[in-house]
């Protein structure tokens, strides 16, 4: 069986993002089973429907091609004010336009995230799942990935630390199985 093509979308633009660190650690967990591409959303302009069909829409079109090349998508997101970070919502909206030409349709997805707080990124993940329903993305429901950040979550080499390794390895195994079970349409 050929390797799956997995796109990882990090909901934060911060260079110090703990969610980016988590995403890189998760990518290492599956590097023998999947080819991982990071879908960079940081350069996108603020979406405006007046862009549809104009040169200003080009950054969205370029990302659409990258997304459509994926067998599955993993969204790794922080929580901003109990919801989805603005750059992530902007990317979801822009790549769903113009109407009828969404890049997301039918691609299996999962969501995970980390935060120092107790509930981690649970509210952002729930809001993101609601958006996925509209975008027609079959979304893995279990296991959920509410990961509390600690300094030992990721080791100095960028690997998942021992305290979380088994859970996150299982999470990623479930995600890859989900993608295989729900081939994109």
Protein backbone atom coordinates (compact mmCIF):
# COMPACT_ATOMS: atom_id res chain seq x y z
CA UNK A 1 0.00 0.00 0.00
CA UNK A 2 1.34 3.43 -0.88
CA UNK A 3 1.91 6.05 1.77
CA UNK A 4 -0.96 8.34 2.58
CA UNK A 5 -0.58 12.04 1.81
CA UNK A 6 -1.45 13.92 4.98
CA UNK A 7 -1.79 17.68 5.15
CA UNK A 8 -1.27 19.37 8.51
CA UNK A 9 -2.88 22.75 9.08
CA UNK A 10 -1.63 24.63 12.14
CA UNK A 11 -4.13 27.23 13.33
CA UNK A 12 -1.46 29.59 14.68
CA UNK A 13 0.89 31.87 12.75
CA UNK A 14 3.22 32.33 15.71
CA UNK A 15 6.81 31.17 15.21
CA UNK A 16 6.83 30.08 18.88
CA UNK A 17 3.51 28.23 18.56
CA UNK A 18 3.22 25.25 20.88
CA UNK A 19 0.68 23.83 18.44
CA UNK A 20 3.27 23.96 15.66
CA UNK A 21 5.65 22.07 17.95
CA UNK A 22 2.94 19.51 18.60
CA UNK A 23 2.25 19.20 14.86
CA UNK A 24 5.92 18.61 14.11
CA UNK A 25 6.07 15.93 16.81
CA UNK A 26 2.94 14.27 15.43
CA UNK A 27 4.42 14.30 11.93
CA UNK A 28 7.45 12.43 13.27
CA UNK A 29 5.18 9.75 14.72
CA UNK A 30 3.80 8.87 11.28
CA UNK A 31 6.77 9.61 9.04
CA UNK A 32 7.16 5.92 8.11
CA UNK A 33 3.47 5.57 7.24
CA UNK A 34 2.58 8.86 5.56
CA UNK A 35 4.04 11.74 3.61
CA UNK A 36 3.26 14.88 5.59
CA UNK A 37 2.89 18.33 4.09
CA UNK A 38 2.38 21.41 6.23
CA UNK A 39 -0.32 23.62 4.69
CA UNK A 40 0.93 27.14 5.46
CA UNK A 41 -1.94 29.57 6.01
CA UNK A 42 0.12 32.47 7.38
CA UNK A 43 0.56 34.32 4.09
CA UNK A 44 -3.10 34.47 3.11
CA UNK A 45 -4.72 37.88 2.79
CA UNK A 46 -7.91 38.49 4.74
CA UNK A 47 -10.56 36.84 2.57
CA UNK A 48 -13.09 39.08 0.85
CA UNK A 49 -15.61 37.69 -1.64
CA UNK A 50 -14.70 40.55 -3.97
CA UNK A 51 -11.46 38.55 -4.53
CA UNK A 52 -13.31 35.68 -6.22
CA UNK A 53 -12.01 35.32 -9.76
CA UNK A 54 -9.39 38.08 -9.39
CA UNK A 55 -5.59 38.03 -9.06
CA UNK A 56 -5.99 38.76 -5.32
CA UNK A 57 -7.48 35.25 -4.97
CA UNK A 58 -4.27 33.57 -6.23
CA UNK A 59 -2.87 32.68 -2.75
CA UNK A 60 -6.11 30.81 -2.00
CA UNK A 61 -6.04 29.02 -5.37
CA UNK A 62 -2.45 27.91 -4.77
CA UNK A 63 -3.38 26.43 -1.40
CA UNK A 64 -6.45 24.77 -2.89
CA UNK A 65 -4.22 22.68 -5.14
CA UNK A 66 -2.08 21.67 -2.16
CA UNK A 67 -5.14 20.70 -0.08
CA UNK A 68 -6.74 18.73 -2.91
CA UNK A 69 -3.54 16.67 -3.20
CA UNK A 70 -4.03 15.35 0.36
CA UNK A 71 -5.70 12.08 1.32
CA UNK A 72 -6.44 13.43 4.79
CA UNK A 73 -6.07 16.61 6.84
CA UNK A 74 -5.06 17.05 10.45
CA UNK A 75 -5.86 20.41 12.02
CA UNK A 76 -3.68 21.33 15.00
CA UNK A 77 -5.09 24.44 16.58
CA UNK A 78 -4.87 26.71 19.58
CA UNK A 79 -7.96 28.27 21.07
CA UNK A 80 -8.43 32.03 20.82
CA UNK A 81 -11.15 33.48 23.02
CA UNK A 82 -12.90 30.08 23.23
CA UNK A 83 -13.02 29.66 19.45
CA UNK A 84 -11.07 29.19 16.23
CA UNK A 85 -8.07 31.46 15.61
CA UNK A 86 -8.70 34.11 12.94
CA UNK A 87 -6.01 32.84 10.50
CA UNK A 88 -7.57 29.37 10.52
CA UNK A 89 -11.12 30.65 9.97
CA UNK A 90 -9.81 32.85 7.16
CA UNK A 91 -8.20 29.85 5.45
CA UNK A 92 -11.31 27.70 5.86
CA UNK A 93 -13.47 30.43 4.37
CA UNK A 94 -11.13 31.42 1.54
CA UNK A 95 -10.49 27.85 0.39
CA UNK A 96 -14.24 27.18 0.36
CA UNK A 97 -14.83 29.91 -2.23
CA UNK A 98 -16.13 30.65 -4.75
CA UNK A 99 -19.26 28.71 -3.93
CA UNK A 100 -19.15 25.20 -5.40
CA UNK A 101 -15.37 25.18 -5.71
CA UNK A 102 -14.31 24.35 -2.15
CA UNK A 103 -10.99 22.57 -1.67
CA UNK A 104 -12.13 20.80 1.50
CA UNK A 105 -15.06 18.73 0.18
CA UNK A 106 -14.87 15.05 0.99
CA UNK A 107 -11.39 15.04 2.55
CA UNK A 108 -11.32 13.11 5.85
CA UNK A 109 -10.11 15.21 8.76
CA UNK A 110 -9.27 15.23 12.45
CA UNK A 111 -8.58 17.98 14.95
CA UNK A 112 -6.22 18.17 17.90
CA UNK A 113 -4.63 20.98 19.86
CA UNK A 114 -2.69 21.95 22.93
CA UNK A 115 -2.89 24.70 25.52
CA UNK A 116 -1.52 25.17 29.05
CA UNK A 117 -5.05 25.41 30.42
CA UNK A 118 -7.06 22.49 31.76
CA UNK A 119 -9.66 22.22 28.97
CA UNK A 120 -6.86 22.60 26.40
CA UNK A 121 -8.47 23.54 23.07
CA UNK A 122 -11.84 21.85 23.52
CA UNK A 123 -14.01 24.84 22.55
CA UNK A 124 -12.00 25.65 19.43
CA UNK A 125 -12.14 22.01 18.40
CA UNK A 126 -15.92 21.90 18.81
CA UNK A 127 -16.34 25.05 16.74
CA UNK A 128 -14.01 23.64 14.11
CA UNK A 129 -16.02 20.40 13.95
CA UNK A 130 -19.15 22.48 13.28
CA UNK A 131 -17.41 24.17 10.35
CA UNK A 132 -16.23 20.79 9.03
CA UNK A 133 -19.84 19.61 8.80
CA UNK A 134 -20.67 22.46 6.44
CA UNK A 135 -17.45 21.93 4.46
CA UNK A 136 -18.37 18.24 3.96
CA UNK A 137 -15.27 16.90 5.68
CA UNK A 138 -15.81 13.50 7.35
CA UNK A 139 -14.32 14.14 10.78
CA UNK A 140 -12.85 11.61 13.20
CA UNK A 141 -14.83 11.78 16.44
CA UNK A 142 -12.74 9.53 18.72
CA UNK A 143 -10.27 9.67 20.22
CA UNK A 144 -10.47 13.37 20.96
CA UNK A 145 -7.22 15.28 21.21
CA UNK A 146 -7.43 17.78 24.06
CA UNK A 147 -3.74 17.94 24.96
CA UNK A 148 -2.58 19.94 27.96
CA UNK A 149 0.76 21.61 27.21
CA UNK A 150 3.71 20.95 29.48
CA UNK A 151 7.40 21.52 28.92
CA UNK A 152 7.98 17.79 28.53
CA UNK A 153 5.27 17.25 25.90
CA UNK A 154 7.94 17.71 23.22
CA UNK A 155 11.56 16.78 23.90
CA UNK A 156 14.65 18.77 22.85
CA UNK A 157 14.82 16.87 19.54
CA UNK A 158 11.20 17.71 18.67
CA UNK A 159 9.79 14.27 19.45
CA UNK A 160 6.70 13.57 21.52
CA UNK A 161 7.81 13.08 25.14
CA UNK A 162 7.37 9.77 26.97
CA UNK A 163 4.41 10.86 29.13
CA UNK A 164 2.21 11.52 26.07
CA UNK A 165 3.83 9.25 23.49
CA UNK A 166 1.45 6.29 23.81
CA UNK A 167 -1.72 8.38 23.71
CA UNK A 168 -0.59 10.52 20.78
CA UNK A 169 0.77 7.53 18.86
CA UNK A 170 -2.62 5.84 19.30
CA UNK A 171 -4.37 9.04 18.22
CA UNK A 172 -2.32 9.19 15.03
CA UNK A 173 -2.90 5.48 14.32
CA UNK A 174 -6.64 6.07 14.63
CA UNK A 175 -6.37 9.09 12.35
CA UNK A 176 -4.52 7.17 9.62
CA UNK A 177 -7.08 4.36 9.88
CA UNK A 178 -9.86 6.97 9.59
CA UNK A 179 -8.32 8.37 6.41
CA UNK A 180 -8.03 4.87 4.90
CA UNK A 181 -11.61 4.03 5.89
CA UNK A 182 -12.97 7.27 4.37
CA UNK A 183 -11.14 7.85 1.10
CA UNK A 184 -11.65 11.38 -0.17
CA UNK A 185 -14.43 11.79 -2.66
